[in-house]
Protein backbone atom coordinates (compact mmCIF):
# COMPACT_ATOMS: atom_id res chain seq x y z
CA MET A 1 62.24 111.72 175.15
CA GLU A 2 60.07 110.50 178.01
CA SER A 3 58.41 107.90 175.80
CA ILE A 4 61.81 106.55 174.75
CA THR A 5 62.91 106.38 178.37
CA ASN A 6 59.65 104.65 179.29
CA ALA A 7 60.04 102.16 176.46
CA PHE A 8 63.46 101.11 177.70
CA SER A 9 62.57 101.19 181.38
CA GLY A 10 59.29 99.34 181.04
CA ASN A 11 57.30 102.22 182.53
CA ASN A 12 53.75 102.74 181.41
CA ALA A 13 53.42 106.53 181.28
CA GLN A 14 49.61 106.46 181.44
CA SER A 15 49.18 104.37 184.56
CA GLY A 16 52.55 104.79 186.24
CA ASN A 17 52.99 101.02 186.48
CA THR A 18 56.27 99.28 185.81
CA ASP A 19 56.89 95.93 184.21
CA GLN A 20 59.28 94.55 186.75
CA THR A 21 60.00 90.89 186.57
CA THR A 22 60.51 88.98 189.73
CA SER A 23 61.22 85.36 189.41
CA SER A 24 62.29 82.76 191.83
CA SER A 25 64.56 79.92 191.07
CA GLY A 26 62.61 77.49 193.17
CA GLY A 27 62.78 74.89 190.43
CA GLY A 28 59.82 73.07 189.03
CA ILE A 29 58.11 72.89 185.69
CA GLY A 30 57.80 76.70 185.37
CA ASP A 31 61.56 77.16 185.46
CA SER A 32 62.02 74.33 182.97
CA ILE A 33 59.59 75.94 180.54
CA ASN A 34 61.19 79.36 181.03
CA SER A 35 64.64 77.92 180.31
CA ALA A 36 63.37 76.10 177.23
CA LEU A 37 61.94 79.39 175.92
CA GLY A 38 65.26 81.20 176.42
CA GLY A 39 64.93 82.67 179.90
CA GLY A 40 66.51 82.06 183.26
CA GLN A 41 70.02 82.20 184.62
CA SER A 42 71.45 79.80 182.04
CA SER A 43 70.55 82.11 179.17
CA GLU A 44 71.97 85.11 181.06
CA LYS A 45 75.37 83.40 180.78
CA ASN A 46 75.02 83.35 176.98
CA GLU A 47 74.44 87.09 176.60
CA ASP A 48 76.92 89.21 174.68
CA TYR A 49 78.37 92.38 176.22
CA LEU A 50 75.79 94.65 174.55
CA ASP A 51 72.96 92.66 176.17
CA LYS A 52 74.78 92.81 179.51
CA GLY A 53 75.10 96.59 179.05
CA ILE A 54 71.36 96.87 178.44
CA ASP A 55 70.75 94.86 181.62
CA ALA A 56 73.07 97.21 183.55
CA VAL A 57 71.20 100.30 182.30
CA GLN A 58 67.88 98.71 183.28
CA GLN A 59 69.16 97.70 186.71
CA TYR A 60 71.21 100.73 187.73
CA GLY A 61 69.92 103.49 185.46
CA PHE A 62 66.21 102.75 185.62
CA GLY A 63 66.16 100.95 188.98
CA GLN A 64 64.38 97.85 187.68
CA GLY A 65 66.13 95.50 190.06
CA ALA A 66 68.37 92.53 189.40
CA GLN A 67 68.60 91.44 185.77
CA ASN A 68 70.40 88.15 186.38
CA ASN A 69 67.36 85.84 186.10
CA GLU A 70 65.02 87.35 183.51
CA ASN A 71 62.16 85.38 182.03
CA ALA A 72 62.02 84.55 178.32
CA ALA A 73 59.88 87.61 177.50
CA GLU A 74 62.39 89.97 179.15
CA GLN A 75 65.27 88.25 177.35
CA PHE A 76 63.43 88.68 174.05
CA LYS A 77 62.78 92.38 174.76
CA ASP A 78 66.44 92.96 175.58
CA GLU A 79 67.49 91.19 172.37
CA GLN A 80 65.13 93.42 170.36
CA ILE A 81 66.67 96.51 171.98
CA SER A 82 70.21 95.32 171.21
CA ASP A 83 69.24 94.51 167.60
CA ALA A 84 67.81 98.03 167.23
CA ILE A 85 71.01 99.53 168.65
CA ARG A 86 73.10 97.43 166.26
CA GLY A 87 70.97 98.52 163.30
CA GLN A 88 71.16 102.21 164.18
CA TYR A 89 74.90 101.97 164.80
CA LYS A 90 75.40 100.40 161.37
CA ASN A 91 73.17 103.04 159.70
CA PHE A 92 75.10 105.84 161.38
CA THR A 93 78.69 104.55 161.02
CA GLY A 94 78.45 102.13 158.09
CA SER A 95 80.12 99.38 160.10
CA ASP A 96 78.96 96.72 162.53
CA VAL A 97 79.09 97.13 166.31
CA PRO A 98 82.48 95.80 167.43
CA ILE A 99 80.73 93.49 169.94
CA ALA A 100 79.79 90.17 168.33
CA ASP A 101 76.12 89.18 168.60
CA LYS A 102 75.51 85.83 170.30
């Protein structure tokens, strides 16, 4: 169970490090590239409720800090988690998650 918790929280069980993303919205070319790759505050607005739920668990459950300005890699990771949840839900119930995927 610990490895599952660590996978979702970003904890590295061997070294005790965490993959916490801190990003500033100071503008510049870095923010433009991040937005083009699917990160930043603009892409946070396009998340469905399952993705927002995953962000809430990461922020409040695992204490990973604010999830309102994630980089493209974090956004991708969250989307992979939500796709896995959707797949397992469908395997278990035979129907799709009632929250539409964006």
